[in-house]
């Protein structure tokens, strides 16, 4: 009996971090709190789609620059400018960040045009 307890395989460690950060939250009692929770779900989905669209247009411009295609790069940059501005207007990030990003993308497109 002593032999089996001494040489028994160790128990797996209990992982305290196993619970997901997206675990179901405790429901709120007040009606205003329940409404706010519903609104948060909607806003989260909307903000996620905006962020995704923003990242996609920036990546498209960068891919066109890397590919060396001047016409595609300029067209995608023109489309990206309006998306970047609209996302900044909606408060996803500061307007100065939008201006900085557009400036950097414009410099890359301009360098591509000068190199060609």
PDB file of N, CA and C in Angstrom:
ATOM      1  N   UNK A   1       0.823  -1.188   0.000  1.00  0.00           N
ATOM      2  CA  UNK A   1       0.000   0.000   0.000  1.00  0.00           C
ATOM      3  C   UNK A   1       0.865   1.249   0.000  1.00  0.00           C
ATOM      4  N   UNK A   2       1.896   1.236   0.765  1.00  0.00           N
ATOM      5  CA  UNK A   2       2.811   2.361   0.796  1.00  0.00           C
ATOM      6  C   UNK A   2       3.494   2.541  -0.551  1.00  0.00           C
ATOM      7  N   UNK A   3       3.808   1.432  -1.182  1.00  0.00           N
ATOM      8  CA  UNK A   3       4.483   1.461  -2.468  1.00  0.00           C
ATOM      9  C   UNK A   3       3.630   2.177  -3.519  1.00  0.00           C
ATOM     10  N   UNK A   4       2.326   1.904  -3.545  1.00  0.00           N
ATOM     11  CA  UNK A   4       1.461   2.481  -4.570  1.00  0.00           C
ATOM     12  C   UNK A   4       1.269   3.989  -4.378  1.00  0.00           C
ATOM     13  N   UNK A   5       1.272   4.462  -3.158  1.00  0.00           N
ATOM     14  CA  UNK A   5       1.085   5.897  -2.958  1.00  0.00           C
ATOM     15  C   UNK A   5       2.368   6.670  -3.197  1.00  0.00           C
ATOM     16  N   UNK A   6       3.510   6.052  -2.902  1.00  0.00           N
ATOM     17  CA  UNK A   6       4.777   6.749  -3.085  1.00  0.00           C
ATOM     18  C   UNK A   6       5.117   6.868  -4.557  1.00  0.00           C
ATOM     19  N   UNK A   7       4.877   5.798  -5.318  1.00  0.00           N
ATOM     20  CA  UNK A   7       5.260   5.792  -6.721  1.00  0.00           C
ATOM     21  C   UNK A   7       4.085   6.034  -7.661  1.00  0.00           C
ATOM     22  N   UNK A   8       3.009   6.521  -7.149  1.00  0.00           N
ATOM     23  CA  UNK A   8       1.859   6.826  -7.993  1.00  0.00           C
ATOM     24  C   UNK A   8       2.199   8.038  -8.859  1.00  0.00           C
ATOM     25  N   UNK A   9       1.660   8.072 -10.079  1.00  0.00           N
ATOM     26  CA  UNK A   9       1.942   9.230 -10.932  1.00  0.00           C
ATOM     27  C   UNK A   9       1.377  10.498 -10.302  1.00  0.00           C
ATOM     28  N   UNK A  10       2.057  11.602 -10.467  1.00  0.00           N
ATOM     29  CA  UNK A  10       1.572  12.842  -9.845  1.00  0.00           C
ATOM     30  C   UNK A  10       0.287  13.318 -10.506  1.00  0.00           C
ATOM     31  N   UNK A  11      -0.504  13.995  -9.731  1.00  0.00           N
ATOM     32  CA  UNK A  11      -1.740  14.555 -10.270  1.00  0.00           C
ATOM     33  C   UNK A  11      -1.395  15.741 -11.166  1.00  0.00           C
ATOM     34  N   UNK A  12      -2.168  15.927 -12.223  1.00  0.00           N
ATOM     35  CA  UNK A  12      -1.889  17.090 -13.074  1.00  0.00           C
ATOM     36  C   UNK A  12      -2.126  18.375 -12.297  1.00  0.00           C
ATOM     37  N   UNK A  13      -1.338  19.395 -12.566  1.00  0.00           N
ATOM     38  CA  UNK A  13      -1.512  20.650 -11.828  1.00  0.00           C
ATOM     39  C   UNK A  13      -2.845  21.296 -12.175  1.00  0.00           C
ATOM     40  N   UNK A  14      -3.418  21.928 -11.192  1.00  0.00           N
ATOM     41  CA  UNK A  14      -4.688  22.617 -11.418  1.00  0.00           C
ATOM     42  C   UNK A  14      -4.386  23.970 -12.047  1.00  0.00           C
ATOM     43  N   UNK A  15      -4.908  24.145 -13.215  1.00  0.00           N
ATOM     44  CA  UNK A  15      -4.641  25.360 -13.973  1.00  0.00           C
ATOM     45  C   UNK A  15      -5.647  26.436 -13.575  1.00  0.00           C
ATOM     46  N   UNK A  16      -5.147  27.452 -12.922  1.00  0.00           N
ATOM     47  CA  UNK A  16      -6.031  28.549 -12.521  1.00  0.00           C
ATOM     48  C   UNK A  16      -6.419  29.419 -13.706  1.00  0.00           C
ATOM     49  N   UNK A  17      -5.605  29.375 -14.758  1.00  0.00           N
ATOM     50  CA  UNK A  17      -5.868  30.217 -15.919  1.00  0.00           C
ATOM     51  C   UNK A  17      -6.747  29.510 -16.942  1.00  0.00           C
ATOM     52  N   UNK A  18      -7.312  28.378 -16.602  1.00  0.00           N
ATOM     53  CA  UNK A  18      -8.093  27.615 -17.564  1.00  0.00           C
ATOM     54  C   UNK A  18      -9.380  28.329 -17.944  1.00  0.00           C
ATOM     55  N   UNK A  19      -9.891  29.160 -17.075  1.00  0.00           N
ATOM     56  CA  UNK A  19     -11.127  29.857 -17.389  1.00  0.00           C
ATOM     57  C   UNK A  19     -10.852  30.909 -18.449  1.00  0.00           C
ATOM     58  N   UNK A  20     -11.706  30.952 -19.408  1.00  0.00           N
ATOM     59  CA  UNK A  20     -11.544  31.883 -20.516  1.00  0.00           C
ATOM     60  C   UNK A  20     -11.883  33.297 -20.069  1.00  0.00           C
ATOM     61  N   UNK A  21     -11.221  34.266 -20.691  1.00  0.00           N
ATOM     62  CA  UNK A  21     -11.539  35.658 -20.383  1.00  0.00           C
ATOM     63  C   UNK A  21     -12.897  36.041 -20.967  1.00  0.00           C
ATOM     64  N   UNK A  22     -13.354  35.259 -21.952  1.00  0.00           N
ATOM     65  CA  UNK A  22     -14.650  35.508 -22.567  1.00  0.00           C
ATOM     66  C   UNK A  22     -15.732  34.647 -21.918  1.00  0.00           C
ATOM     67  N   UNK A  23     -15.500  34.226 -20.689  1.00  0.00           N
ATOM     68  CA  UNK A  23     -16.471  33.393 -19.990  1.00  0.00           C
ATOM     69  C   UNK A  23     -17.770  34.165 -19.816  1.00  0.00           C
ATOM     70  N   UNK A  24     -18.842  33.410 -19.668  1.00  0.00           N
ATOM     71  CA  UNK A  24     -20.144  34.045 -19.511  1.00  0.00           C
ATOM     72  C   UNK A  24     -20.154  34.871 -18.230  1.00  0.00           C
ATOM     73  N   UNK A  25     -20.549  36.113 -18.379  1.00  0.00           N
ATOM     74  CA  UNK A  25     -20.555  37.008 -17.234  1.00  0.00           C
ATOM     75  C   UNK A  25     -21.845  36.842 -16.446  1.00  0.00           C
ATOM     76  N   UNK A  26     -21.791  37.268 -15.220  1.00  0.00           N
ATOM     77  CA  UNK A  26     -22.947  37.219 -14.343  1.00  0.00           C
ATOM     78  C   UNK A  26     -24.023  38.146 -14.895  1.00  0.00           C
ATOM     79  N   UNK A  27     -25.251  37.676 -14.919  1.00  0.00           N
ATOM     80  CA  UNK A  27     -26.323  38.512 -15.439  1.00  0.00           C
ATOM     81  C   UNK A  27     -26.643  39.629 -14.451  1.00  0.00           C
ATOM     82  N   UNK A  28     -27.044  40.735 -15.016  1.00  0.00           N
ATOM     83  CA  UNK A  28     -27.311  41.927 -14.221  1.00  0.00           C
ATOM     84  C   UNK A  28     -28.777  41.922 -13.807  1.00  0.00           C
ATOM     85  N   UNK A  29     -29.046  42.437 -12.622  1.00  0.00           N
ATOM     86  CA  UNK A  29     -30.428  42.463 -12.130  1.00  0.00           C
ATOM     87  C   UNK A  29     -31.228  43.615 -12.714  1.00  0.00           C
ATOM     88  N   UNK A  30     -30.618  44.776 -12.765  1.00  0.00           N
ATOM     89  CA  UNK A  30     -31.358  45.960 -13.193  1.00  0.00           C
ATOM     90  C   UNK A  30     -31.610  45.940 -14.697  1.00  0.00           C
ATOM     91  N   UNK A  31     -32.740  46.470 -15.085  1.00  0.00           N
ATOM     92  CA  UNK A  31     -33.114  46.498 -16.494  1.00  0.00           C
ATOM     93  C   UNK A  31     -32.138  47.343 -17.297  1.00  0.00           C
ATOM     94  N   UNK A  32     -31.693  48.443 -16.713  1.00  0.00           N
ATOM     95  CA  UNK A  32     -30.755  49.312 -17.430  1.00  0.00           C
ATOM     96  C   UNK A  32     -29.428  48.596 -17.653  1.00  0.00           C
ATOM     97  N   UNK A  33     -29.023  47.780 -16.697  1.00  0.00           N
ATOM     98  CA  UNK A  33     -27.791  47.018 -16.848  1.00  0.00           C
ATOM     99  C   UNK A  33     -27.917  45.944 -17.907  1.00  0.00           C
ATOM    100  N   UNK A  34     -29.099  45.297 -17.964  1.00  0.00           N
ATOM    101  CA  UNK A  34     -29.320  44.281 -19.000  1.00  0.00           C
ATOM    102  C   UNK A  34     -29.312  44.924 -20.381  1.00  0.00           C
ATOM    103  N   UNK A  35     -29.917  46.101 -20.469  1.00  0.00           N
ATOM    104  CA  UNK A  35     -29.928  46.812 -21.747  1.00  0.00           C
ATOM    105  C   UNK A  35     -28.506  47.189 -22.151  1.00  0.00           C
ATOM    106  N   UNK A  36     -27.729  47.647 -21.186  1.00  0.00           N
ATOM    107  CA  UNK A  36     -26.350  48.033 -21.471  1.00  0.00           C
ATOM    108  C   UNK A  36     -25.538  46.829 -21.947  1.00  0.00           C
ATOM    109  N   UNK A  37     -25.792  45.666 -21.368  1.00  0.00           N
ATOM    110  CA  UNK A  37     -25.095  44.450 -21.784  1.00  0.00           C
ATOM    111  C   UNK A  37     -25.456  44.093 -23.223  1.00  0.00           C
ATOM    112  N   UNK A  38     -26.738  44.245 -23.573  1.00  0.00           N
ATOM    113  CA  UNK A  38     -27.152  43.985 -24.961  1.00  0.00           C
ATOM    114  C   UNK A  38     -26.471  44.961 -25.910  1.00  0.00           C
ATOM    115  N   UNK A  39     -26.426  46.225 -25.513  1.00  0.00           N
ATOM    116  CA  UNK A  39     -25.796  47.231 -26.361  1.00  0.00           C
ATOM    117  C   UNK A  39     -24.306  46.950 -26.525  1.00  0.00           C
ATOM    118  N   UNK A  40     -23.667  46.482 -25.460  1.00  0.00           N
ATOM    119  CA  UNK A  40     -22.238  46.183 -25.526  1.00  0.00           C
ATOM    120  C   UNK A  40     -21.947  45.078 -26.529  1.00  0.00           C
ATOM    121  N   UNK A  41     -22.812  44.083 -26.590  1.00  0.00           N
ATOM    122  CA  UNK A  41     -22.623  42.994 -27.554  1.00  0.00           C
ATOM    123  C   UNK A  41     -22.715  43.542 -28.972  1.00  0.00           C
ATOM    124  N   UNK A  42     -23.714  44.392 -29.212  1.00  0.00           N
ATOM    125  CA  UNK A  42     -23.885  44.994 -30.532  1.00  0.00           C
ATOM    126  C   UNK A  42     -22.688  45.867 -30.906  1.00  0.00           C
ATOM    127  N   UNK A  43     -22.271  46.713 -29.965  1.00  0.00           N
ATOM    128  CA  UNK A  43     -21.151  47.614 -30.225  1.00  0.00           C
ATOM    129  C   UNK A  43     -19.861  46.848 -30.466  1.00  0.00           C
ATOM    130  N   UNK A  44     -19.672  45.772 -29.715  1.00  0.00           N
ATOM    131  CA  UNK A  44     -18.475  44.961 -29.876  1.00  0.00           C
ATOM    132  C   UNK A  44     -18.425  44.376 -31.283  1.00  0.00           C
ATOM    133  N   UNK A  45     -19.550  43.870 -31.773  1.00  0.00           N
ATOM    134  CA  UNK A  45     -19.594  43.306 -33.121  1.00  0.00           C
ATOM    135  C   UNK A  45     -19.332  44.385 -34.166  1.00  0.00           C
ATOM    136  N   UNK A  46     -19.926  45.557 -33.976  1.00  0.00           N
ATOM    137  CA  UNK A  46     -19.745  46.647 -34.933  1.00  0.00           C
ATOM    138  C   UNK A  46     -18.295  47.127 -34.954  1.00  0.00           C
ATOM    139  N   UNK A  47     -17.716  47.318 -33.769  1.00  0.00           N
ATOM    140  CA  UNK A  47     -16.329  47.776 -33.690  1.00  0.00           C
ATOM    141  C   UNK A  47     -15.369  46.747 -34.271  1.00  0.00           C
ATOM    142  N   UNK A  48     -15.667  45.466 -34.077  1.00  0.00           N
ATOM    143  CA  UNK A  48     -14.819  44.414 -34.634  1.00  0.00           C
ATOM    144  C   UNK A  48     -14.833  44.467 -36.152  1.00  0.00           C
ATOM    145  N   UNK A  49     -16.011  44.685 -36.742  1.00  0.00           N
ATOM    146  CA  UNK A  49     -16.083  44.752 -38.200  1.00  0.00           C
ATOM    147  C   UNK A  49     -15.366  45.995 -38.727  1.00  0.00           C
ATOM    148  N   UNK A  50     -15.495  47.122 -38.024  1.00  0.00           N
ATOM    149  CA  UNK A  50     -14.785  48.340 -38.439  1.00  0.00           C
ATOM    150  C   UNK A  50     -13.277  48.136 -38.389  1.00  0.00           C
ATOM    151  N   UNK A  51     -12.803  47.550 -37.292  1.00  0.00           N
ATOM    152  CA  UNK A  51     -11.369  47.313 -37.123  1.00  0.00           C
ATOM    153  C   UNK A  51     -10.850  46.368 -38.204  1.00  0.00           C
ATOM    154  N   UNK A  52     -11.642  45.362 -38.530  1.00  0.00           N
ATOM    155  CA  UNK A  52     -11.250  44.400 -39.554  1.00  0.00           C
ATOM    156  C   UNK A  52     -11.173  45.072 -40.927  1.00  0.00           C
ATOM    157  N   UNK A  53     -12.169  45.898 -41.241  1.00  0.00           N
ATOM    158  CA  UNK A  53     -12.176  46.596 -42.531  1.00  0.00           C
ATOM    159  C   UNK A  53     -10.980  47.539 -42.644  1.00  0.00           C
ATOM    160  N   UNK A  54     -10.679  48.225 -41.549  1.00  0.00           N
ATOM    161  CA  UNK A  54      -9.534  49.135 -41.521  1.00  0.00           C
ATOM    162  C   UNK A  54      -8.231  48.377 -41.780  1.00  0.00           C
ATOM    163  N   UNK A  55      -8.032  47.276 -41.059  1.00  0.00           N
ATOM    164  CA  UNK A  55      -6.797  46.504 -41.226  1.00  0.00           C
ATOM    165  C   UNK A  55      -6.684  45.940 -42.632  1.00  0.00           C
ATOM    166  N   UNK A  56      -7.814  45.533 -43.204  1.00  0.00           N
ATOM    167  CA  UNK A  56      -7.803  44.950 -44.544  1.00  0.00           C
ATOM    168  C   UNK A  56      -7.369  45.969 -45.590  1.00  0.00           C
ATOM    169  N   UNK A  57      -7.908  47.191 -45.533  1.00  0.00           N
ATOM    170  CA  UNK A  57      -7.542  48.175 -46.553  1.00  0.00           C
ATOM    171  C   UNK A  57      -6.081  48.579 -46.426  1.00  0.00           C
ATOM    172  N   UNK A  58      -5.581  48.661 -45.194  1.00  0.00           N
ATOM    173  CA  UNK A  58      -4.168  49.009 -45.004  1.00  0.00           C
ATOM    174  C   UNK A  58      -3.280  47.902 -45.567  1.00  0.00           C
ATOM    175  N   UNK A  59      -3.640  46.660 -45.307  1.00  0.00           N
ATOM    176  CA  UNK A  59      -2.862  45.532 -45.830  1.00  0.00           C
ATOM    177  C   UNK A  59      -2.905  45.497 -47.351  1.00  0.00           C
ATOM    178  N   UNK A  60      -4.063  45.832 -47.934  1.00  0.00           N
ATOM    179  CA  UNK A  60      -4.168  45.827 -49.392  1.00  0.00           C
ATOM    180  C   UNK A  60      -3.234  46.852 -50.017  1.00  0.00           C
ATOM    181  N   UNK A  61      -3.141  48.029 -49.421  1.00  0.00           N
ATOM    182  CA  UNK A  61      -2.225  49.053 -49.935  1.00  0.00           C
ATOM    183  C   UNK A  61      -0.786  48.568 -49.806  1.00  0.00           C
ATOM    184  N   UNK A  62      -0.446  48.007 -48.664  1.00  0.00           N
ATOM    185  CA  UNK A  62       0.922  47.539 -48.454  1.00  0.00           C
ATOM    186  C   UNK A  62       1.278  46.400 -49.401  1.00  0.00           C
ATOM    187  N   UNK A  63       0.335  45.509 -49.675  1.00  0.00           N
ATOM    188  CA  UNK A  63       0.590  44.415 -50.621  1.00  0.00           C
ATOM    189  C   UNK A  63       0.819  44.957 -52.025  1.00  0.00           C
ATOM    190  N   UNK A  64       0.027  45.961 -52.411  1.00  0.00           N
ATOM    191  CA  UNK A  64       0.185  46.548 -53.740  1.00  0.00           C
ATOM    192  C   UNK A  64       1.537  47.239 -53.864  1.00  0.00           C
ATOM    193  N   UNK A  65       1.997  47.879 -52.801  1.00  0.00           N
ATOM    194  CA  UNK A  65       3.303  48.547 -52.821  1.00  0.00           C
ATOM    195  C   UNK A  65       4.416  47.510 -52.935  1.00  0.00           C
ATOM    196  N   UNK A  66       4.306  46.429 -52.166  1.00  0.00           N
ATOM    197  CA  UNK A  66       5.333  45.382 -52.211  1.00  0.00           C
ATOM    198  C   UNK A  66       5.359  44.723 -53.584  1.00  0.00           C
ATOM    199  N   UNK A  67       4.180  44.550 -54.190  1.00  0.00           N
ATOM    200  CA  UNK A  67       4.110  43.941 -55.516  1.00  0.00           C
ATOM    201  C   UNK A  67       4.678  44.866 -56.583  1.00  0.00           C
ATOM    202  N   UNK A  68       4.737  46.160 -56.305  1.00  0.00           N
ATOM    203  CA  UNK A  68       5.308  47.112 -57.255  1.00  0.00           C
ATOM    204  C   UNK A  68       4.324  47.590 -58.303  1.00  0.00           C
ATOM    205  N   UNK A  69       3.048  47.379 -58.090  1.00  0.00           N
ATOM    206  CA  UNK A  69       2.024  47.787 -59.047  1.00  0.00           C
ATOM    207  C   UNK A  69       1.548  49.198 -58.694  1.00  0.00           C
ATOM    208  N   UNK A  70       1.985  50.165 -59.491  1.00  0.00           N
ATOM    209  CA  UNK A  70       1.720  51.573 -59.182  1.00  0.00           C
ATOM    210  C   UNK A  70       0.240  51.919 -59.280  1.00  0.00           C
ATOM    211  N   UNK A  71      -0.436  51.470 -60.329  1.00  0.00           N
ATOM    212  CA  UNK A  71      -1.842  51.837 -60.512  1.00  0.00           C
ATOM    213  C   UNK A  71      -2.733  51.218 -59.430  1.00  0.00           C
ATOM    214  N   UNK A  72      -2.485  49.955 -59.126  1.00  0.00           N
ATOM    215  CA  UNK A  72      -3.282  49.301 -58.079  1.00  0.00           C
ATOM    216  C   UNK A  72      -3.007  49.954 -56.730  1.00  0.00           C
ATOM    217  N   UNK A  73      -1.747  50.304 -56.479  1.00  0.00           N
ATOM    218  CA  UNK A  73      -1.388  50.929 -55.203  1.00  0.00           C
ATOM    219  C   UNK A  73      -2.084  52.276 -55.044  1.00  0.00           C
ATOM    220  N   UNK A  74      -2.107  53.081 -56.088  1.00  0.00           N
ATOM    221  CA  UNK A  74      -2.759  54.391 -55.987  1.00  0.00           C
ATOM    222  C   UNK A  74      -4.269  54.245 -55.819  1.00  0.00           C
ATOM    223  N   UNK A  75      -4.870  53.294 -56.551  1.00  0.00           N
ATOM    224  CA  UNK A  75      -6.319  53.096 -56.427  1.00  0.00           C
ATOM    225  C   UNK A  75      -6.702  52.596 -55.036  1.00  0.00           C
ATOM    226  N   UNK A  76      -5.951  51.628 -54.537  1.00  0.00           N
ATOM    227  CA  UNK A  76      -6.271  51.107 -53.203  1.00  0.00           C
ATOM    228  C   UNK A  76      -5.992  52.155 -52.129  1.00  0.00           C
ATOM    229  N   UNK A  77      -4.995  52.989 -52.347  1.00  0.00           N
ATOM    230  CA  UNK A  77      -4.707  54.044 -51.374  1.00  0.00           C
ATOM    231  C   UNK A  77      -5.841  55.059 -51.326  1.00  0.00           C
ATOM    232  N   UNK A  78      -6.383  55.415 -52.493  1.00  0.00           N
ATOM    233  CA  UNK A  78      -7.506  56.354 -52.523  1.00  0.00           C
ATOM    234  C   UNK A  78      -8.708  55.786 -51.776  1.00  0.00           C
ATOM    235  N   UNK A  79      -8.970  54.501 -51.970  1.00  0.00           N
ATOM    236  CA  UNK A  79     -10.087  53.863 -51.265  1.00  0.00           C
ATOM    237  C   UNK A  79      -9.799  53.764 -49.767  1.00  0.00           C
ATOM    238  N   UNK A  80      -8.542  53.511 -49.434  1.00  0.00           N
ATOM    239  CA  UNK A  80      -8.167  53.341 -48.030  1.00  0.00           C
ATOM    240  C   UNK A  80      -8.282  54.649 -47.255  1.00  0.00           C
ATOM    241  N   UNK A  81      -8.037  55.771 -47.908  1.00  0.00           N
ATOM    242  CA  UNK A  81      -8.102  57.058 -47.216  1.00  0.00           C
ATOM    243  C   UNK A  81      -9.480  57.299 -46.608  1.00  0.00           C
ATOM    244  N   UNK A  82     -10.520  57.032 -47.385  1.00  0.00           N
ATOM    245  CA  UNK A  82     -11.868  57.280 -46.863  1.00  0.00           C
ATOM    246  C   UNK A  82     -12.218  56.312 -45.740  1.00  0.00           C
ATOM    247  N   UNK A  83     -11.765  55.065 -45.864  1.00  0.00           N
ATOM    248  CA  UNK A  83     -12.045  54.091 -44.804  1.00  0.00           C
ATOM    249  C   UNK A  83     -11.323  54.489 -43.523  1.00  0.00           C
ATOM    250  N   UNK A  84     -10.070  54.898 -43.643  1.00  0.00           N
ATOM    251  CA  UNK A  84      -9.287  55.297 -42.467  1.00  0.00           C
ATOM    252  C   UNK A  84      -9.933  56.503 -41.789  1.00  0.00           C
ATOM    253  N   UNK A  85     -10.359  57.476 -42.588  1.00  0.00           N
ATOM    254  CA  UNK A  85     -11.005  58.660 -42.014  1.00  0.00           C
ATOM    255  C   UNK A  85     -12.323  58.311 -41.328  1.00  0.00           C
ATOM    256  N   UNK A  86     -13.111  57.457 -41.961  1.00  0.00           N
ATOM    257  CA  UNK A  86     -14.409  57.121 -41.363  1.00  0.00           C
ATOM    258  C   UNK A  86     -14.240  56.345 -40.064  1.00  0.00           C
ATOM    259  N   UNK A  87     -13.248  55.467 -40.015  1.00  0.00           N
ATOM    260  CA  UNK A  87     -12.998  54.710 -38.786  1.00  0.00           C
ATOM    261  C   UNK A  87     -12.510  55.649 -37.683  1.00  0.00           C
ATOM    262  N   UNK A  88     -11.680  56.621 -38.047  1.00  0.00           N
ATOM    263  CA  UNK A  88     -11.203  57.585 -37.053  1.00  0.00           C
ATOM    264  C   UNK A  88     -12.343  58.481 -36.573  1.00  0.00           C
ATOM    265  N   UNK A  89     -13.246  58.862 -37.474  1.00  0.00           N
ATOM    266  CA  UNK A  89     -14.391  59.685 -37.085  1.00  0.00           C
ATOM    267  C   UNK A  89     -15.304  58.952 -36.105  1.00  0.00           C
ATOM    268  N   UNK A  90     -15.369  57.643 -36.247  1.00  0.00           N
ATOM    269  CA  UNK A  90     -16.219  56.849 -35.355  1.00  0.00           C
ATOM    270  C   UNK A  90     -15.553  56.582 -34.016  1.00  0.00           C
ATOM    271  N   UNK A  91     -14.303  57.023 -33.860  1.00  0.00           N
ATOM    272  CA  UNK A  91     -13.650  56.936 -32.563  1.00  0.00           C
ATOM    273  C   UNK A  91     -12.869  55.668 -32.307  1.00  0.00           C
ATOM    274  N   UNK A  92     -12.548  54.918 -33.337  1.00  0.00           N
ATOM    275  CA  UNK A  92     -11.758  53.700 -33.119  1.00  0.00           C
ATOM    276  C   UNK A  92     -10.339  54.053 -32.685  1.00  0.00           C
ATOM    277  N   UNK A  93      -9.822  55.144 -33.233  1.00  0.00           N
ATOM    278  CA  UNK A  93      -8.534  55.670 -32.807  1.00  0.00           C
ATOM    279  C   UNK A  93      -8.508  57.156 -33.095  1.00  0.00           C
ATOM    280  N   UNK A  94      -7.461  57.818 -32.657  1.00  0.00           N
ATOM    281  CA  UNK A  94      -7.380  59.269 -32.745  1.00  0.00           C
ATOM    282  C   UNK A  94      -7.185  59.716 -34.190  1.00  0.00           C
ATOM    283  N   UNK A  95      -7.642  60.921 -34.497  1.00  0.00           N
ATOM    284  CA  UNK A  95      -7.517  61.451 -35.858  1.00  0.00           C
ATOM    285  C   UNK A  95      -6.063  61.668 -36.245  1.00  0.00           C
ATOM    286  N   UNK A  96      -5.220  61.982 -35.263  1.00  0.00           N
ATOM    287  CA  UNK A  96      -3.800  62.151 -35.578  1.00  0.00           C
ATOM    288  C   UNK A  96      -3.171  60.837 -36.013  1.00  0.00           C
ATOM    289  N   UNK A  97      -3.624  59.740 -35.436  1.00  0.00           N
ATOM    290  CA  UNK A  97      -3.116  58.435 -35.852  1.00  0.00           C
ATOM    291  C   UNK A  97      -3.535  58.156 -37.291  1.00  0.00           C
ATOM    292  N   UNK A  98      -4.762  58.523 -37.643  1.00  0.00           N
ATOM    293  CA  UNK A  98      -5.231  58.338 -39.010  1.00  0.00           C
ATOM    294  C   UNK A  98      -4.389  59.162 -39.978  1.00  0.00           C
ATOM    295  N   UNK A  99      -4.107  60.405 -39.608  1.00  0.00           N
ATOM    296  CA  UNK A  99      -3.298  61.270 -40.462  1.00  0.00           C
ATOM    297  C   UNK A  99      -1.886  60.717 -40.616  1.00  0.00           C
ATOM    298  N   UNK A 100      -1.324  60.230 -39.522  1.00  0.00           N
ATOM    299  CA  UNK A 100       0.024  59.662 -39.558  1.00  0.00           C
ATOM    300  C   UNK A 100       0.073  58.424 -40.453  1.00  0.00           C
ATOM    301  N   UNK A 101      -0.921  57.585 -40.331  1.00  0.00           N
ATOM    302  CA  UNK A 101      -0.968  56.362 -41.132  1.00  0.00           C
ATOM    303  C   UNK A 101      -1.142  56.680 -42.611  1.00  0.00           C
ATOM    304  N   UNK A 102      -2.038  57.631 -42.909  1.00  0.00           N
ATOM    305  CA  UNK A 102      -2.237  58.017 -44.311  1.00  0.00           C
ATOM    306  C   UNK A 102      -0.972  58.628 -44.886  1.00  0.00           C
ATOM    307  N   UNK A 103      -0.267  59.405 -44.091  1.00  0.00           N
ATOM    308  CA  UNK A 103       0.973  60.020 -44.548  1.00  0.00           C
ATOM    309  C   UNK A 103       2.018  58.963 -44.875  1.00  0.00           C
ATOM    310  N   UNK A 104       2.138  57.967 -44.015  1.00  0.00           N
ATOM    311  CA  UNK A 104       3.121  56.907 -44.254  1.00  0.00           C
ATOM    312  C   UNK A 104       2.769  56.081 -45.486  1.00  0.00           C
ATOM    313  N   UNK A 105       1.484  55.785 -45.646  1.00  0.00           N
ATOM    314  CA  UNK A 105       1.069  55.034 -46.832  1.00  0.00           C
ATOM    315  C   UNK A 105       1.280  55.858 -48.100  1.00  0.00           C
ATOM    316  N   UNK A 106       0.981  57.163 -48.023  1.00  0.00           N
ATOM    317  CA  UNK A 106       1.180  58.034 -49.184  1.00  0.00           C
ATOM    318  C   UNK A 106       2.650  58.101 -49.565  1.00  0.00           C
ATOM    319  N   UNK A 107       3.529  58.135 -48.570  1.00  0.00           N
ATOM    320  CA  UNK A 107       4.964  58.170 -48.853  1.00  0.00           C
ATOM    321  C   UNK A 107       5.410  56.892 -49.550  1.00  0.00           C
ATOM    322  N   UNK A 108       4.867  55.761 -49.138  1.00  0.00           N
ATOM    323  CA  UNK A 108       5.226  54.496 -49.787  1.00  0.00           C
ATOM    324  C   UNK A 108       4.736  54.454 -51.225  1.00  0.00           C
ATOM    325  N   UNK A 109       3.503  54.923 -51.442  1.00  0.00           N
ATOM    326  CA  UNK A 109       2.949  54.934 -52.797  1.00  0.00           C
ATOM    327  C   UNK A 109       3.724  55.914 -53.671  1.00  0.00           C
ATOM    328  N   UNK A 110       4.082  57.062 -53.115  1.00  0.00           N
ATOM    329  CA  UNK A 110       4.841  58.060 -53.872  1.00  0.00           C
ATOM    330  C   UNK A 110       6.228  57.535 -54.223  1.00  0.00           C
ATOM    331  N   UNK A 111       6.870  56.852 -53.282  1.00  0.00           N
ATOM    332  CA  UNK A 111       8.191  56.277 -53.558  1.00  0.00           C
ATOM    333  C   UNK A 111       8.099  55.228 -54.650  1.00  0.00           C
ATOM    334  N   UNK A 112       7.003  54.487 -54.659  1.00  0.00           N
ATOM    335  CA  UNK A 112       6.796  53.481 -55.702  1.00  0.00           C
ATOM    336  C   UNK A 112       6.627  54.156 -57.057  1.00  0.00           C
ATOM    337  N   UNK A 113       5.894  55.273 -57.081  1.00  0.00           N
ATOM    338  CA  UNK A 113       5.674  55.995 -58.332  1.00  0.00           C
ATOM    339  C   UNK A 113       6.973  56.602 -58.848  1.00  0.00           C
ATOM    340  N   UNK A 114       7.821  57.100 -57.943  1.00  0.00           N
ATOM    341  CA  UNK A 114       9.091  57.688 -58.364  1.00  0.00           C
ATOM    342  C   UNK A 114      10.071  56.626 -58.840  1.00  0.00           C
ATOM    343  N   UNK A 115      10.019  55.458 -58.224  1.00  0.00           N
ATOM    344  CA  UNK A 115      10.940  54.382 -58.598  1.00  0.00           C
ATOM    345  C   UNK A 115      10.592  53.809 -59.963  1.00  0.00           C
ATOM    346  N   UNK A 116       9.312  53.842 -60.322  1.00  0.00           N
ATOM    347  CA  UNK A 116       8.892  53.248 -61.596  1.00  0.00           C
ATOM    348  C   UNK A 116       9.175  54.157 -62.764  1.00  0.00           C
TER     349      UNK A 116
END
